[in-house]
Amino acid sequence: MHRADIVFRMDSITLIRDTHRWMRWLTGRTLEAASALPDADFRREFSIGSGSVHGTLTHLLGAERIWMNAIHGDATAVMASTQEFPSIDSIRKGWPVVRGKWDTYLNQLTDDECSRVVMRVRDGKEVRQLVRDILVQLPTHALYHNAQISFMFRQMGHSLADSSWILWRREQLAQAKQ
């Protein structure tokens, strides 16, 4: 068996950071594909996800923002709406704002921070969870909804690029060998 020239670390902080980098890549590929949709398809209603590609992308952006706010002590942040992000361009412009905050946060992440309990209000009820669970929730949430978006694309006769973890890692390994 051939050993790779690059060594990937596999501690919990590195894995969390990697899953968030993968989520950024996944979302970027989905945003690129959604940008090519005719507006009618972007807004077409389905009985899955948040009702449309538009609604589901807005939901994903909102989830990243809500959890970032909760981590920083704003327990009452509300979900993003399609009125707040009325177009694919507004979604594309909104994401870097949230992602910049995530990048700063993840670069400073520690094991102690991962063990901290965070409270947020959901449906009028206080819920508590560990930071590490939030950090794992976001990429799995993105994958779940990306699968719904993929279904929507197929139903409209479009395709969504493969955005699997293994493809992302293969691309990273190939780039590292260059």
N, C-alpha and C. Protein backbone atom coordinates (compact mmCIF):
# COMPACT_ATOMS: atom_id res chain seq x y z
N MET A 1 0.84 -1.18 0.00
CA MET A 1 0.00 0.00 0.00
C MET A 1 0.89 1.24 0.00
N HIS A 2 0.55 2.22 -0.81
CA HIS A 2 1.32 3.45 -0.95
C HIS A 2 0.88 4.47 0.11
N ARG A 3 1.85 5.02 0.81
CA ARG A 3 1.55 6.03 1.83
C ARG A 3 1.56 7.40 1.17
N ALA A 4 0.58 8.21 1.47
CA ALA A 4 0.49 9.55 0.88
C ALA A 4 1.64 10.42 1.37
N ASP A 5 2.08 11.32 0.52
CA ASP A 5 3.14 12.25 0.89
C ASP A 5 2.68 13.29 1.89
N ILE A 6 1.38 13.47 1.98
CA ILE A 6 0.83 14.44 2.91
C ILE A 6 0.18 13.69 4.06
N VAL A 7 0.32 14.21 5.24
CA VAL A 7 -0.28 13.60 6.41
C VAL A 7 -1.44 14.49 6.85
N PHE A 8 -2.62 13.92 6.95
CA PHE A 8 -3.77 14.65 7.43
C PHE A 8 -3.94 14.33 8.91
N ARG A 9 -4.01 15.37 9.73
CA ARG A 9 -4.23 15.18 11.16
C ARG A 9 -5.66 14.72 11.39
N MET A 10 -5.87 13.97 12.48
CA MET A 10 -7.21 13.49 12.76
C MET A 10 -7.56 13.64 14.23
N ASP A 11 -7.37 14.83 14.77
CA ASP A 11 -7.88 15.11 16.11
C ASP A 11 -9.24 15.77 15.95
N SER A 12 -9.99 15.90 17.04
CA SER A 12 -11.37 16.38 16.95
C SER A 12 -11.47 17.81 16.42
N ILE A 13 -10.57 18.69 16.81
CA ILE A 13 -10.62 20.07 16.34
C ILE A 13 -10.36 20.11 14.83
N THR A 14 -9.37 19.37 14.38
CA THR A 14 -9.06 19.33 12.95
C THR A 14 -10.24 18.75 12.17
N LEU A 15 -10.85 17.70 12.69
CA LEU A 15 -11.99 17.10 12.01
C LEU A 15 -13.15 18.09 11.92
N ILE A 16 -13.42 18.82 12.98
CA ILE A 16 -14.48 19.83 12.95
C ILE A 16 -14.17 20.90 11.91
N ARG A 17 -12.94 21.39 11.92
CA ARG A 17 -12.56 22.41 10.93
C ARG A 17 -12.69 21.86 9.51
N ASP A 18 -12.26 20.61 9.32
CA ASP A 18 -12.35 20.01 7.99
C ASP A 18 -13.80 19.85 7.55
N THR A 19 -14.68 19.43 8.44
CA THR A 19 -16.09 19.26 8.03
C THR A 19 -16.70 20.61 7.66
N HIS A 20 -16.26 21.65 8.31
CA HIS A 20 -16.77 22.98 7.96
C HIS A 20 -16.17 23.47 6.64
N ARG A 21 -14.93 23.13 6.35
CA ARG A 21 -14.35 23.46 5.04
C ARG A 21 -15.08 22.68 3.94
N TRP A 22 -15.37 21.42 4.21
CA TRP A 22 -16.13 20.62 3.26
C TRP A 22 -17.52 21.22 3.05
N MET A 23 -18.17 21.65 4.13
CA MET A 23 -19.51 22.24 4.03
C MET A 23 -19.46 23.49 3.15
N ARG A 24 -18.40 24.29 3.31
CA ARG A 24 -18.25 25.50 2.48
C ARG A 24 -18.13 25.09 1.00
N TRP A 25 -17.34 24.05 0.73
CA TRP A 25 -17.15 23.56 -0.64
C TRP A 25 -18.48 23.04 -1.20
N LEU A 26 -19.18 22.23 -0.42
CA LEU A 26 -20.48 21.67 -0.80
C LEU A 26 -21.45 22.80 -1.12
N THR A 27 -21.55 23.75 -0.24
CA THR A 27 -22.48 24.86 -0.43
C THR A 27 -22.08 25.70 -1.63
N GLY A 28 -20.80 25.90 -1.82
CA GLY A 28 -20.33 26.66 -2.98
C GLY A 28 -20.75 26.00 -4.29
N ARG A 29 -20.63 24.69 -4.35
CA ARG A 29 -21.02 23.95 -5.56
C ARG A 29 -22.53 24.06 -5.77
N THR A 30 -23.28 23.99 -4.70
CA THR A 30 -24.73 24.09 -4.80
C THR A 30 -25.15 25.51 -5.21
N LEU A 31 -24.52 26.51 -4.62
CA LEU A 31 -24.83 27.89 -5.00
C LEU A 31 -24.51 28.15 -6.46
N GLU A 32 -23.39 27.61 -6.93
CA GLU A 32 -23.02 27.77 -8.33
C GLU A 32 -24.07 27.16 -9.24
N ALA A 33 -24.52 25.97 -8.91
CA ALA A 33 -25.55 25.31 -9.72
C ALA A 33 -26.88 26.07 -9.64
N ALA A 34 -27.23 26.54 -8.45
CA ALA A 34 -28.49 27.28 -8.28
C ALA A 34 -28.45 28.60 -9.04
N SER A 35 -27.27 29.19 -9.17
CA SER A 35 -27.14 30.45 -9.91
C SER A 35 -27.45 30.28 -11.39
N ALA A 36 -27.30 29.06 -11.87
CA ALA A 36 -27.56 28.80 -13.29
C ALA A 36 -29.02 28.45 -13.57
N LEU A 37 -29.81 28.27 -12.51
CA LEU A 37 -31.22 27.92 -12.71
C LEU A 37 -32.02 29.12 -13.21
N PRO A 38 -32.99 28.87 -14.08
CA PRO A 38 -33.95 29.94 -14.38
C PRO A 38 -34.68 30.32 -13.08
N ASP A 39 -35.06 31.56 -12.95
CA ASP A 39 -35.69 32.03 -11.71
C ASP A 39 -36.92 31.19 -11.33
N ALA A 40 -37.70 30.78 -12.32
CA ALA A 40 -38.89 29.97 -12.03
C ALA A 40 -38.50 28.65 -11.36
N ASP A 41 -37.40 28.04 -11.81
CA ASP A 41 -36.95 26.79 -11.19
C ASP A 41 -36.35 27.05 -9.81
N PHE A 42 -35.65 28.15 -9.65
CA PHE A 42 -35.08 28.52 -8.36
C PHE A 42 -36.19 28.64 -7.30
N ARG A 43 -37.34 29.13 -7.71
CA ARG A 43 -38.46 29.36 -6.78
C ARG A 43 -39.54 28.27 -6.84
N ARG A 44 -39.38 27.28 -7.72
CA ARG A 44 -40.39 26.23 -7.87
C ARG A 44 -40.64 25.53 -6.55
N GLU A 45 -41.90 25.34 -6.23
CA GLU A 45 -42.30 24.74 -4.96
C GLU A 45 -42.27 23.21 -5.01
N PHE A 46 -41.73 22.64 -3.94
CA PHE A 46 -41.69 21.19 -3.72
C PHE A 46 -42.19 20.91 -2.31
N SER A 47 -42.59 19.69 -2.07
CA SER A 47 -43.10 19.33 -0.74
C SER A 47 -41.98 18.78 0.15
N ILE A 48 -40.74 19.14 -0.13
CA ILE A 48 -39.61 18.73 0.70
C ILE A 48 -38.77 19.95 1.03
N GLY A 49 -37.84 19.76 1.95
CA GLY A 49 -36.95 20.85 2.32
C GLY A 49 -37.74 22.04 2.83
N SER A 50 -37.29 23.19 2.45
CA SER A 50 -38.01 24.41 2.81
C SER A 50 -38.83 24.91 1.64
N GLY A 51 -39.31 23.97 0.80
CA GLY A 51 -40.27 24.26 -0.23
C GLY A 51 -39.73 24.58 -1.60
N SER A 52 -38.48 25.02 -1.71
CA SER A 52 -37.89 25.36 -3.00
C SER A 52 -36.38 25.40 -2.83
N VAL A 53 -35.67 25.47 -3.95
CA VAL A 53 -34.22 25.66 -3.86
C VAL A 53 -33.94 26.96 -3.11
N HIS A 54 -34.68 28.01 -3.47
CA HIS A 54 -34.54 29.31 -2.81
C HIS A 54 -34.75 29.19 -1.30
N GLY A 55 -35.86 28.59 -0.92
CA GLY A 55 -36.17 28.46 0.50
C GLY A 55 -35.17 27.60 1.25
N THR A 56 -34.70 26.54 0.62
CA THR A 56 -33.77 25.63 1.29
C THR A 56 -32.40 26.26 1.44
N LEU A 57 -31.93 26.98 0.42
CA LEU A 57 -30.65 27.69 0.56
C LEU A 57 -30.74 28.78 1.63
N THR A 58 -31.85 29.48 1.66
CA THR A 58 -32.05 30.51 2.69
C THR A 58 -32.06 29.87 4.08
N HIS A 59 -32.69 28.72 4.20
CA HIS A 59 -32.72 27.99 5.47
C HIS A 59 -31.31 27.59 5.91
N LEU A 60 -30.51 27.10 4.98
CA LEU A 60 -29.14 26.71 5.32
C LEU A 60 -28.31 27.91 5.78
N LEU A 61 -28.44 29.01 5.08
CA LEU A 61 -27.74 30.23 5.48
C LEU A 61 -28.22 30.67 6.86
N GLY A 62 -29.52 30.63 7.05
CA GLY A 62 -30.09 31.02 8.35
C GLY A 62 -29.61 30.13 9.48
N ALA A 63 -29.49 28.84 9.24
CA ALA A 63 -29.03 27.92 10.28
C ALA A 63 -27.60 28.25 10.70
N GLU A 64 -26.74 28.52 9.73
CA GLU A 64 -25.36 28.88 10.07
C GLU A 64 -25.34 30.17 10.89
N ARG A 65 -26.18 31.11 10.53
CA ARG A 65 -26.23 32.38 11.25
C ARG A 65 -26.80 32.21 12.67
N ILE A 66 -27.88 31.45 12.78
CA ILE A 66 -28.49 31.23 14.10
C ILE A 66 -27.50 30.59 15.06
N TRP A 67 -26.80 29.55 14.60
CA TRP A 67 -25.88 28.87 15.50
C TRP A 67 -24.67 29.74 15.84
N MET A 68 -24.21 30.53 14.91
CA MET A 68 -23.11 31.45 15.22
C MET A 68 -23.58 32.45 16.28
N ASN A 69 -24.78 32.96 16.11
CA ASN A 69 -25.32 33.89 17.11
C ASN A 69 -25.48 33.22 18.47
N ALA A 70 -25.99 32.00 18.48
CA ALA A 70 -26.17 31.29 19.76
C ALA A 70 -24.84 31.07 20.46
N ILE A 71 -23.83 30.68 19.70
CA ILE A 71 -22.50 30.46 20.28
C ILE A 71 -21.98 31.74 20.92
N HIS A 72 -22.32 32.88 20.32
CA HIS A 72 -21.85 34.17 20.85
C HIS A 72 -22.85 34.82 21.80
N GLY A 73 -23.84 34.06 22.28
CA GLY A 73 -24.70 34.54 23.34
C GLY A 73 -26.03 35.13 22.92
N ASP A 74 -26.34 35.17 21.63
CA ASP A 74 -27.64 35.66 21.18
C ASP A 74 -28.57 34.47 21.01
N ALA A 75 -29.29 34.16 22.07
CA ALA A 75 -30.13 32.96 22.08
C ALA A 75 -31.43 33.12 21.33
N THR A 76 -31.77 34.34 20.93
CA THR A 76 -33.08 34.58 20.32
C THR A 76 -33.02 34.94 18.84
N ALA A 77 -31.88 34.72 18.19
CA ALA A 77 -31.78 35.01 16.75
C ALA A 77 -32.83 34.22 15.99
N VAL A 78 -33.36 34.83 14.96
CA VAL A 78 -34.42 34.19 14.18
C VAL A 78 -33.89 33.70 12.84
N MET A 79 -34.60 32.75 12.28
CA MET A 79 -34.21 32.15 11.00
C MET A 79 -34.28 33.19 9.88
N ALA A 80 -33.37 33.09 8.95
CA ALA A 80 -33.40 33.94 7.77
C ALA A 80 -34.65 33.63 6.96
N SER A 81 -35.13 34.61 6.23
CA SER A 81 -36.32 34.41 5.41
C SER A 81 -36.02 34.71 3.95
N THR A 82 -36.89 34.23 3.09
CA THR A 82 -36.72 34.52 1.66
C THR A 82 -37.00 36.00 1.38
N GLN A 83 -37.67 36.69 2.28
CA GLN A 83 -37.84 38.13 2.12
C GLN A 83 -36.52 38.85 2.41
N GLU A 84 -35.78 38.35 3.38
CA GLU A 84 -34.47 38.92 3.71
C GLU A 84 -33.46 38.63 2.60
N PHE A 85 -33.57 37.44 2.02
CA PHE A 85 -32.68 37.02 0.93
C PHE A 85 -33.55 36.66 -0.27
N PRO A 86 -33.99 37.67 -1.02
CA PRO A 86 -34.98 37.44 -2.08
C PRO A 86 -34.44 36.86 -3.38
N SER A 87 -33.12 36.74 -3.51
CA SER A 87 -32.56 36.28 -4.78
C SER A 87 -31.31 35.43 -4.52
N ILE A 88 -30.89 34.73 -5.55
CA ILE A 88 -29.65 33.96 -5.43
C ILE A 88 -28.48 34.89 -5.18
N ASP A 89 -28.49 36.07 -5.79
CA ASP A 89 -27.39 37.02 -5.56
C ASP A 89 -27.34 37.48 -4.11
N SER A 90 -28.50 37.73 -3.50
CA SER A 90 -28.49 38.15 -2.10
C SER A 90 -28.02 37.03 -1.18
N ILE A 91 -28.36 35.80 -1.53
CA ILE A 91 -27.88 34.66 -0.74
C ILE A 91 -26.36 34.54 -0.89
N ARG A 92 -25.88 34.65 -2.11
CA ARG A 92 -24.43 34.56 -2.36
C ARG A 92 -23.67 35.67 -1.62
N LYS A 93 -24.26 36.83 -1.49
CA LYS A 93 -23.62 37.94 -0.78
C LYS A 93 -23.73 37.77 0.73
N GLY A 94 -24.79 37.13 1.20
CA GLY A 94 -24.99 36.95 2.63
C GLY A 94 -24.10 35.89 3.25
N TRP A 95 -23.79 34.88 2.49
CA TRP A 95 -23.02 33.76 3.03
C TRP A 95 -21.62 34.15 3.49
N PRO A 96 -20.85 34.94 2.73
CA PRO A 96 -19.50 35.29 3.19
C PRO A 96 -19.49 36.04 4.52
N VAL A 97 -20.53 36.78 4.80
CA VAL A 97 -20.60 37.50 6.08
C VAL A 97 -20.64 36.49 7.22
N VAL A 98 -21.52 35.52 7.10
CA VAL A 98 -21.65 34.48 8.14
C VAL A 98 -20.40 33.61 8.16
N ARG A 99 -19.91 33.22 6.99
CA ARG A 99 -18.75 32.34 6.93
C ARG A 99 -17.50 33.01 7.50
N GLY A 100 -17.38 34.31 7.32
CA GLY A 100 -16.23 35.02 7.90
C GLY A 100 -16.22 34.89 9.42
N LYS A 101 -17.39 34.98 10.02
CA LYS A 101 -17.50 34.80 11.47
C LYS A 101 -17.15 33.38 11.87
N TRP A 102 -17.61 32.41 11.07
CA TRP A 102 -17.28 31.01 11.35
C TRP A 102 -15.79 30.76 11.22
N ASP A 103 -15.17 31.33 10.19
CA ASP A 103 -13.72 31.13 10.01
C ASP A 103 -12.95 31.64 11.21
N THR A 104 -13.28 32.84 11.66
CA THR A 104 -12.60 33.41 12.83
C THR A 104 -12.81 32.51 14.05
N TYR A 105 -14.03 32.09 14.26
CA TYR A 105 -14.36 31.25 15.41
C TYR A 105 -13.64 29.91 15.35
N LEU A 106 -13.70 29.24 14.22
CA LEU A 106 -13.10 27.91 14.10
C LEU A 106 -11.58 27.96 14.21
N ASN A 107 -10.97 29.03 13.76
CA ASN A 107 -9.51 29.17 13.87
C ASN A 107 -9.06 29.28 15.32
N GLN A 108 -9.95 29.68 16.21
CA GLN A 108 -9.63 29.83 17.63
C GLN A 108 -10.22 28.71 18.49
N LEU A 109 -10.83 27.73 17.86
CA LEU A 109 -11.52 26.66 18.57
C LEU A 109 -10.59 25.84 19.46
N THR A 110 -11.06 25.54 20.66
CA THR A 110 -10.32 24.71 21.61
C THR A 110 -11.21 23.57 22.09
N ASP A 111 -10.58 22.59 22.73
CA ASP A 111 -11.35 21.50 23.32
C ASP A 111 -12.28 22.02 24.41
N ASP A 112 -11.81 22.97 25.22
CA ASP A 112 -12.66 23.54 26.27
C ASP A 112 -13.89 24.20 25.67
N GLU A 113 -13.69 24.94 24.58
CA GLU A 113 -14.84 25.60 23.93
C GLU A 113 -15.83 24.56 23.42
N CYS A 114 -15.34 23.45 22.90
CA CYS A 114 -16.22 22.40 22.40
C CYS A 114 -17.11 21.82 23.50
N SER A 115 -16.65 21.89 24.74
CA SER A 115 -17.40 21.34 25.87
C SER A 115 -18.35 22.35 26.52
N ARG A 116 -18.34 23.57 26.04
CA ARG A 116 -19.21 24.61 26.61
C ARG A 116 -20.66 24.36 26.21
N VAL A 117 -21.58 24.64 27.13
CA VAL A 117 -23.01 24.51 26.87
C VAL A 117 -23.54 25.86 26.38
N VAL A 118 -24.34 25.79 25.32
CA VAL A 118 -24.93 26.98 24.71
C VAL A 118 -26.45 26.84 24.80
N MET A 119 -27.10 27.96 25.06
CA MET A 119 -28.56 27.98 25.10
C MET A 119 -29.08 28.80 23.93
N ARG A 120 -30.17 28.34 23.36
CA ARG A 120 -30.89 29.15 22.38
C ARG A 120 -32.37 28.91 22.56
N VAL A 121 -33.16 29.80 22.02
CA VAL A 121 -34.61 29.68 22.10
C VAL A 121 -35.11 29.20 20.75
N ARG A 122 -35.87 28.11 20.79
CA ARG A 122 -36.45 27.57 19.56
C ARG A 122 -37.92 27.28 19.83
N ASP A 123 -38.78 27.83 19.00
CA ASP A 123 -40.22 27.66 19.15
C ASP A 123 -40.68 28.06 20.56
N GLY A 124 -40.08 29.12 21.09
CA GLY A 124 -40.46 29.63 22.40
C GLY A 124 -39.91 28.86 23.58
N LYS A 125 -39.11 27.84 23.34
CA LYS A 125 -38.55 27.02 24.42
C LYS A 125 -37.04 27.14 24.44
N GLU A 126 -36.49 27.17 25.63
CA GLU A 126 -35.04 27.18 25.77
C GLU A 126 -34.50 25.77 25.56
N VAL A 127 -33.48 25.67 24.71
CA VAL A 127 -32.80 24.40 24.51
C VAL A 127 -31.32 24.62 24.74
N ARG A 128 -30.66 23.59 25.26
CA ARG A 128 -29.24 23.66 25.54
C ARG A 128 -28.52 22.53 24.82
N GLN A 129 -27.33 22.84 24.35
CA GLN A 129 -26.52 21.82 23.71
C GLN A 129 -25.06 22.19 23.81
N LEU A 130 -24.21 21.19 23.66
CA LEU A 130 -22.77 21.43 23.67
C LEU A 130 -22.35 22.09 22.36
N VAL A 131 -21.35 22.93 22.43
CA VAL A 131 -20.82 23.56 21.22
C VAL A 131 -20.41 22.51 20.22
N ARG A 132 -19.75 21.44 20.65
CA ARG A 132 -19.30 20.42 19.69
C ARG A 132 -20.47 19.80 18.94
N ASP A 133 -21.63 19.70 19.57
CA ASP A 133 -22.80 19.16 18.88
C ASP A 133 -23.32 20.13 17.82
N ILE A 134 -23.24 21.41 18.10
CA ILE A 134 -23.60 22.42 17.11
C ILE A 134 -22.64 22.32 15.92
N LEU A 135 -21.37 22.18 16.22
CA LEU A 135 -20.34 22.15 15.18
C LEU A 135 -20.47 20.93 14.28
N VAL A 136 -20.97 19.83 14.81
CA VAL A 136 -21.21 18.63 14.01
C VAL A 136 -22.57 18.74 13.29
N GLN A 137 -23.53 19.36 13.95
CA GLN A 137 -24.87 19.52 13.36
C GLN A 137 -24.84 20.28 12.05
N LEU A 138 -24.09 21.36 11.99
CA LEU A 138 -24.13 22.20 10.79
C LEU A 138 -23.76 21.45 9.51
N PRO A 139 -22.64 20.74 9.44
CA PRO A 139 -22.34 20.02 8.19
C PRO A 139 -23.33 18.88 7.89
N THR A 140 -23.79 18.17 8.92
CA THR A 140 -24.75 17.10 8.65
C THR A 140 -26.08 17.69 8.18
N HIS A 141 -26.46 18.82 8.74
CA HIS A 141 -27.66 19.54 8.32
C HIS A 141 -27.52 19.98 6.86
N ALA A 142 -26.36 20.50 6.51
CA ALA A 142 -26.11 20.94 5.13
C ALA A 142 -26.20 19.75 4.17
N LEU A 143 -25.64 18.62 4.55
CA LEU A 143 -25.70 17.44 3.70
C LEU A 143 -27.14 16.98 3.50
N TYR A 144 -27.91 16.95 4.56
CA TYR A 144 -29.31 16.54 4.50
C TYR A 144 -30.09 17.42 3.53
N HIS A 145 -29.95 18.73 3.69
CA HIS A 145 -30.70 19.63 2.82
C HIS A 145 -30.13 19.67 1.40
N ASN A 146 -28.84 19.45 1.25
CA ASN A 146 -28.27 19.38 -0.09
C ASN A 146 -28.86 18.19 -0.85
N ALA A 147 -29.12 17.10 -0.15
CA ALA A 147 -29.76 15.95 -0.80
C ALA A 147 -31.17 16.33 -1.26
N GLN A 148 -31.87 17.12 -0.47
CA GLN A 148 -33.20 17.59 -0.89
C GLN A 148 -33.09 18.48 -2.13
N ILE A 149 -32.10 19.36 -2.13
CA ILE A 149 -31.90 20.23 -3.28
C ILE A 149 -31.56 19.39 -4.51
N SER A 150 -30.75 18.37 -4.33
CA SER A 150 -30.41 17.48 -5.44
C SER A 150 -31.67 16.84 -6.02
N PHE A 151 -32.57 16.42 -5.15
CA PHE A 151 -33.85 15.85 -5.60
C PHE A 151 -34.63 16.89 -6.40
N MET A 152 -34.68 18.12 -5.90
CA MET A 152 -35.39 19.18 -6.60
C MET A 152 -34.79 19.40 -7.99
N PHE A 153 -33.48 19.44 -8.06
CA PHE A 153 -32.81 19.61 -9.35
C PHE A 153 -33.21 18.49 -10.31
N ARG A 154 -33.16 17.25 -9.84
CA ARG A 154 -33.51 16.11 -10.72
C ARG A 154 -34.95 16.21 -11.20
N GLN A 155 -35.86 16.62 -10.32
CA GLN A 155 -37.26 16.74 -10.70
C GLN A 155 -37.47 17.81 -11.77
N MET A 156 -36.57 18.78 -11.82
CA MET A 156 -36.68 19.86 -12.81
C MET A 156 -35.85 19.58 -14.06
N GLY A 157 -35.17 18.42 -14.09
CA GLY A 157 -34.36 18.08 -15.24
C GLY A 157 -32.96 18.67 -15.22
N HIS A 158 -32.51 19.10 -14.05
CA HIS A 158 -31.16 19.65 -13.88
C HIS A 158 -30.34 18.66 -13.06
N SER A 159 -29.05 18.91 -12.97
CA SER A 159 -28.22 18.05 -12.13
C SER A 159 -27.38 18.91 -11.20
N LEU A 160 -27.06 18.32 -10.09
CA LEU A 160 -26.22 18.96 -9.08
C LEU A 160 -24.91 18.18 -9.02
N ALA A 161 -23.80 18.89 -9.04
CA ALA A 161 -22.49 18.24 -9.03
C ALA A 161 -22.29 17.40 -7.77
N ASP A 162 -21.55 16.32 -7.92
CA ASP A 162 -21.18 15.49 -6.77
C ASP A 162 -20.46 16.37 -5.76
N SER A 163 -20.89 16.32 -4.54
CA SER A 163 -20.24 17.10 -3.48
C SER A 163 -19.99 16.22 -2.26
N SER A 164 -19.66 14.97 -2.52
CA SER A 164 -19.40 14.03 -1.43
C SER A 164 -18.08 14.35 -0.72
N TRP A 165 -18.01 13.96 0.52
CA TRP A 165 -16.80 14.13 1.33
C TRP A 165 -15.59 13.50 0.63
N ILE A 166 -15.77 12.28 0.12
CA ILE A 166 -14.64 11.56 -0.45
C ILE A 166 -14.10 12.27 -1.69
N LEU A 167 -14.97 12.84 -2.51
CA LEU A 167 -14.51 13.60 -3.67
C LEU A 167 -13.72 14.82 -3.23
N TRP A 168 -14.22 15.52 -2.22
CA TRP A 168 -13.52 16.69 -1.69
C TRP A 168 -12.14 16.31 -1.19
N ARG A 169 -12.04 15.20 -0.45
CA ARG A 169 -10.75 14.75 0.07
C ARG A 169 -9.81 14.33 -1.06
N ARG A 170 -10.34 13.68 -2.07
CA ARG A 170 -9.50 13.30 -3.21
C ARG A 170 -8.93 14.55 -3.88
N GLU A 171 -9.76 15.57 -4.05
CA GLU A 171 -9.28 16.82 -4.65
C GLU A 171 -8.20 17.46 -3.79
N GLN A 172 -8.39 17.44 -2.48
CA GLN A 172 -7.38 17.99 -1.57
C GLN A 172 -6.05 17.25 -1.68
N LEU A 173 -6.14 15.94 -1.70
CA LEU A 173 -4.94 15.11 -1.79
C LEU A 173 -4.21 15.37 -3.10
N ALA A 174 -4.96 15.47 -4.17
CA ALA A 174 -4.36 15.75 -5.48
C ALA A 174 -3.68 17.12 -5.49
N GLN A 175 -4.31 18.12 -4.89
CA GLN A 175 -3.72 19.46 -4.83
C GLN A 175 -2.47 19.48 -3.96
N ALA A 176 -2.48 18.70 -2.90
CA ALA A 176 -1.33 18.67 -1.98
C ALA A 176 -0.11 18.05 -2.65
N LYS A 177 -0.29 17.16 -3.60
CA LYS A 177 0.83 16.51 -4.27
C LYS A 177 1.45 17.38 -5.36
N GLN A 178 0.78 18.46 -5.73
CA GLN A 178 1.28 19.33 -6.80
C GLN A 178 2.43 20.19 -6.32
